[in-house]
Structure formats: C-alpha cells, structure tokens
C-alpha atoms as a PDB file:
ATOM      1  CA  UNK A   1      -3.956 -26.527   0.782  1.00  0.00           C
ATOM      2  CA  UNK A   2      -1.679 -23.806   1.063  1.00  0.00           C
ATOM      3  CA  UNK A   3      -2.696 -19.932   0.876  1.00  0.00           C
ATOM      4  CA  UNK A   4      -2.167 -18.591  -2.520  1.00  0.00           C
ATOM      5  CA  UNK A   5      -0.467 -15.386  -3.409  1.00  0.00           C
ATOM      6  CA  UNK A   6      -3.244 -12.919  -3.610  1.00  0.00           C
ATOM      7  CA  UNK A   7      -4.507 -14.279  -0.348  1.00  0.00           C
ATOM      8  CA  UNK A   8      -1.068 -13.665   1.150  1.00  0.00           C
ATOM      9  CA  UNK A   9      -0.999 -10.127  -0.150  1.00  0.00           C
ATOM     10  CA  UNK A  10      -4.386  -8.962   1.173  1.00  0.00           C
ATOM     11  CA  UNK A  11      -3.242 -10.448   4.789  1.00  0.00           C
ATOM     12  CA  UNK A  12       0.101  -8.315   4.260  1.00  0.00           C
ATOM     13  CA  UNK A  13      -2.400  -5.556   3.741  1.00  0.00           C
ATOM     14  CA  UNK A  14      -4.315  -5.636   7.315  1.00  0.00           C
ATOM     15  CA  UNK A  15      -4.511  -2.058   8.596  1.00  0.00           C
ATOM     16  CA  UNK A  16      -3.567  -0.100   5.486  1.00  0.00           C
ATOM     17  CA  UNK A  17      -6.058   1.486   3.158  1.00  0.00           C
ATOM     18  CA  UNK A  18      -6.965  -0.396   0.189  1.00  0.00           C
ATOM     19  CA  UNK A  19      -9.255   0.036  -2.380  1.00  0.00           C
ATOM     20  CA  UNK A  20     -12.119  -2.640  -3.486  1.00  0.00           C
ATOM     21  CA  UNK A  21     -14.298  -2.930  -6.537  1.00  0.00           C
ATOM     22  CA  UNK A  22     -17.173  -5.223  -6.466  1.00  0.00           C
ATOM     23  CA  UNK A  23     -18.690  -7.288  -9.695  1.00  0.00           C
ATOM     24  CA  UNK A  24     -21.687  -4.797  -8.992  1.00  0.00           C
ATOM     25  CA  UNK A  25     -19.147  -1.722  -9.649  1.00  0.00           C
ATOM     26  CA  UNK A  26     -19.323   0.067  -6.306  1.00  0.00           C
ATOM     27  CA  UNK A  27     -16.209   0.751  -5.134  1.00  0.00           C
ATOM     28  CA  UNK A  28     -15.074   0.652  -1.558  1.00  0.00           C
ATOM     29  CA  UNK A  29     -12.102   2.721   0.339  1.00  0.00           C
ATOM     30  CA  UNK A  30     -11.017   1.884   3.373  1.00  0.00           C
ATOM     31  CA  UNK A  31      -8.695   0.433   6.073  1.00  0.00           C
ATOM     32  CA  UNK A  32      -8.665  -3.380   6.004  1.00  0.00           C
ATOM     33  CA  UNK A  33      -9.401  -5.056   9.543  1.00  0.00           C
ATOM     34  CA  UNK A  34      -9.393  -8.792   8.820  1.00  0.00           C
ATOM     35  CA  UNK A  35      -8.940 -11.300   5.905  1.00  0.00           C
ATOM     36  CA  UNK A  36      -9.958 -14.714   5.782  1.00  0.00           C
ATOM     37  CA  UNK A  37      -8.598 -17.499   3.564  1.00  0.00           C
ATOM     38  CA  UNK A  38     -11.798 -17.126   1.227  1.00  0.00           C
ATOM     39  CA  UNK A  39     -11.054 -13.212   0.479  1.00  0.00           C
ATOM     40  CA  UNK A  40     -13.896 -12.178   2.659  1.00  0.00           C
ATOM     41  CA  UNK A  41     -13.018  -8.903   4.343  1.00  0.00           C
ATOM     42  CA  UNK A  42     -14.034  -6.364   7.053  1.00  0.00           C
ATOM     43  CA  UNK A  43     -13.468  -2.576   6.151  1.00  0.00           C
ATOM     44  CA  UNK A  44     -13.523   0.126   8.585  1.00  0.00           C
ATOM     45  CA  UNK A  45     -13.787   4.118   7.736  1.00  0.00           C
ATOM     46  CA  UNK A  46     -14.997   3.379   3.829  1.00  0.00           C
ATOM     47  CA  UNK A  47     -16.124   5.737   1.196  1.00  0.00           C
ATOM     48  CA  UNK A  48     -18.587   4.008  -1.041  1.00  0.00           C
ATOM     49  CA  UNK A  49     -18.318   4.952  -4.942  1.00  0.00           C
ATOM     50  CA  UNK A  50     -21.816   3.512  -6.473  1.00  0.00           C
ATOM     51  CA  UNK A  51     -21.599   3.219  -9.979  1.00  0.00           C
ATOM     52  CA  UNK A  52     -23.382   6.874 -10.893  1.00  0.00           C
ATOM     53  CA  UNK A  53     -20.680   8.472  -8.953  1.00  0.00           C
ATOM     54  CA  UNK A  54     -22.698   9.236  -5.743  1.00  0.00           C
ATOM     55  CA  UNK A  55     -20.391   8.698  -2.826  1.00  0.00           C
ATOM     56  CA  UNK A  56     -21.412   8.023   1.091  1.00  0.00           C
ATOM     57  CA  UNK A  57     -19.703   7.026   4.018  1.00  0.00           C
ATOM     58  CA  UNK A  58     -19.548   3.722   6.035  1.00  0.00           C
ATOM     59  CA  UNK A  59     -18.547   2.905   9.565  1.00  0.00           C
ATOM     60  CA  UNK A  60     -17.440  -0.485   9.023  1.00  0.00           C
ATOM     61  CA  UNK A  61     -18.391  -3.170   6.217  1.00  0.00           C
ATOM     62  CA  UNK A  62     -17.889  -7.029   5.857  1.00  0.00           C
ATOM     63  CA  UNK A  63     -17.580  -8.029   2.248  1.00  0.00           C
ATOM     64  CA  UNK A  64     -17.833 -11.373   0.985  1.00  0.00           C
ATOM     65  CA  UNK A  65     -14.654 -12.506  -1.216  1.00  0.00           C
ATOM     66  CA  UNK A  66     -16.617 -13.610  -4.100  1.00  0.00           C
ATOM     67  CA  UNK A  67     -18.085 -10.546  -4.951  1.00  0.00           C
ATOM     68  CA  UNK A  68     -14.874  -8.901  -5.697  1.00  0.00           C
ATOM     69  CA  UNK A  69     -13.744  -8.045  -8.890  1.00  0.00           C
ATOM     70  CA  UNK A  70     -10.367  -6.784  -7.750  1.00  0.00           C
ATOM     71  CA  UNK A  71      -8.342  -5.169  -5.001  1.00  0.00           C
ATOM     72  CA  UNK A  72      -6.014  -1.860  -4.893  1.00  0.00           C
ATOM     73  CA  UNK A  73      -3.274  -2.131  -1.938  1.00  0.00           C
ATOM     74  CA  UNK A  74      -0.459  -0.040  -1.280  1.00  0.00           C
ATOM     75  CA  UNK A  75       2.490   0.220  -3.532  1.00  0.00           C
ATOM     76  CA  UNK A  76       4.754  -0.336  -0.222  1.00  0.00           C
ATOM     77  CA  UNK A  77       3.498  -4.072  -0.244  1.00  0.00           C
ATOM     78  CA  UNK A  78       5.520  -5.076  -3.323  1.00  0.00           C
ATOM     79  CA  UNK A  79       8.404  -4.998  -0.898  1.00  0.00           C
ATOM     80  CA  UNK A  80       6.723  -7.832   1.212  1.00  0.00           C
ATOM     81  CA  UNK A  81       9.059 -10.335   2.571  1.00  0.00           C
ATOM     82  CA  UNK A  82       6.765 -13.107   1.334  1.00  0.00           C
ATOM     83  CA  UNK A  83       7.839 -11.794  -2.700  1.00  0.00           C
ATOM     84  CA  UNK A  84      11.257 -12.650  -1.875  1.00  0.00           C
ATOM     85  CA  UNK A  85      10.550 -16.409  -2.385  1.00  0.00           C
ATOM     86  CA  UNK A  86       9.029 -15.799  -5.574  1.00  0.00           C
ATOM     87  CA  UNK A  87      12.067 -14.014  -6.935  1.00  0.00           C
ATOM     88  CA  UNK A  88      13.270 -16.245  -9.948  1.00  0.00           C
ATOM     89  CA  UNK A  89      17.151 -16.263  -8.592  1.00  0.00           C
ATOM     90  CA  UNK A  90      16.055 -18.116  -5.617  1.00  0.00           C
ATOM     91  CA  UNK A  91      14.159 -20.394  -7.500  1.00  0.00           C
ATOM     92  CA  UNK A  92      17.182 -21.898  -9.052  1.00  0.00           C
ATOM     93  CA  UNK A  93      18.863 -22.365  -5.599  1.00  0.00           C
ATOM     94  CA  UNK A  94      20.008 -26.020  -5.011  1.00  0.00           C
ATOM     95  CA  UNK A  95      18.222 -28.567  -3.611  1.00  0.00           C
ATOM     96  CA  UNK A  96      18.059 -30.162  -0.206  1.00  0.00           C
ATOM     97  CA  UNK A  97      19.491 -33.648  -0.144  1.00  0.00           C
ATOM     98  CA  UNK A  98      18.536 -36.996  -1.943  1.00  0.00           C
ATOM     99  CA  UNK A  99      19.363 -35.146  -5.159  1.00  0.00           C
ATOM    100  CA  UNK A 100      16.048 -32.611  -5.035  1.00  0.00           C
ATOM    101  CA  UNK A 101      16.162 -30.174  -7.684  1.00  0.00           C
ATOM    102  CA  UNK A 102      18.771 -31.685  -9.603  1.00  0.00           C
ATOM    103  CA  UNK A 103      18.700 -34.175 -12.442  1.00  0.00           C
ATOM    104  CA  UNK A 104      20.214 -37.606 -10.559  1.00  0.00           C
ATOM    105  CA  UNK A 105      23.191 -39.474 -12.586  1.00  0.00           C
ATOM    106  CA  UNK A 106      24.950 -36.126 -13.585  1.00  0.00           C
END
C-alpha cells in the first residue's frame, strides 16, 4: 500500500510549525517532530487552545492521527517536490514501453 498525499505532506512538514485541530475542538500549534503513516504525530513547544479560549503550554505531546480533524501546514510546502508529480501537465506525458499510456492500434 502506498502513502497518500496528505501523509506525504505531513512528512514534508517535519521540523516546521503546524496547527492541528482535534475532533474535541482543541487546537495545538507547535513544531512537528515525527509523523507515522497512520498520521500519528509528535509535536514540541506546543500552545494548546481549549474550546473556551483558554491557552496552555506543553513541552511535548503525542497525538493519535484518528483524533485529528484537520492540519494547517506552512504555505511554503505548496512548492514541495512531491507536488510536481501531481501537476496535470505531467499526467499527460507518454507512457513507458508496451503501449502503456496510449491507445494501441492507432
């Protein structure tokens, strides 16, 4: 099984500051230390904002990926090399051998 685009994006975000909202409504903002294929992640130097607006600081936290509602990653990651493969102009390139990517007989 291959790793999907959102997980690849999280791998690119390692050592960058991300924001994460959990299903409970808590918001975590901190430096991404580690990511697993199931989106479990480890953050450091975190500011936690509760649903009622209270904030607190945590040194390090491990979050289960299934509890995440969404992630906000730095804008600079939109230029990550992994997105070059998703560009439509590359999707229409010629196939490799044995008529792959072309309609045979034409």
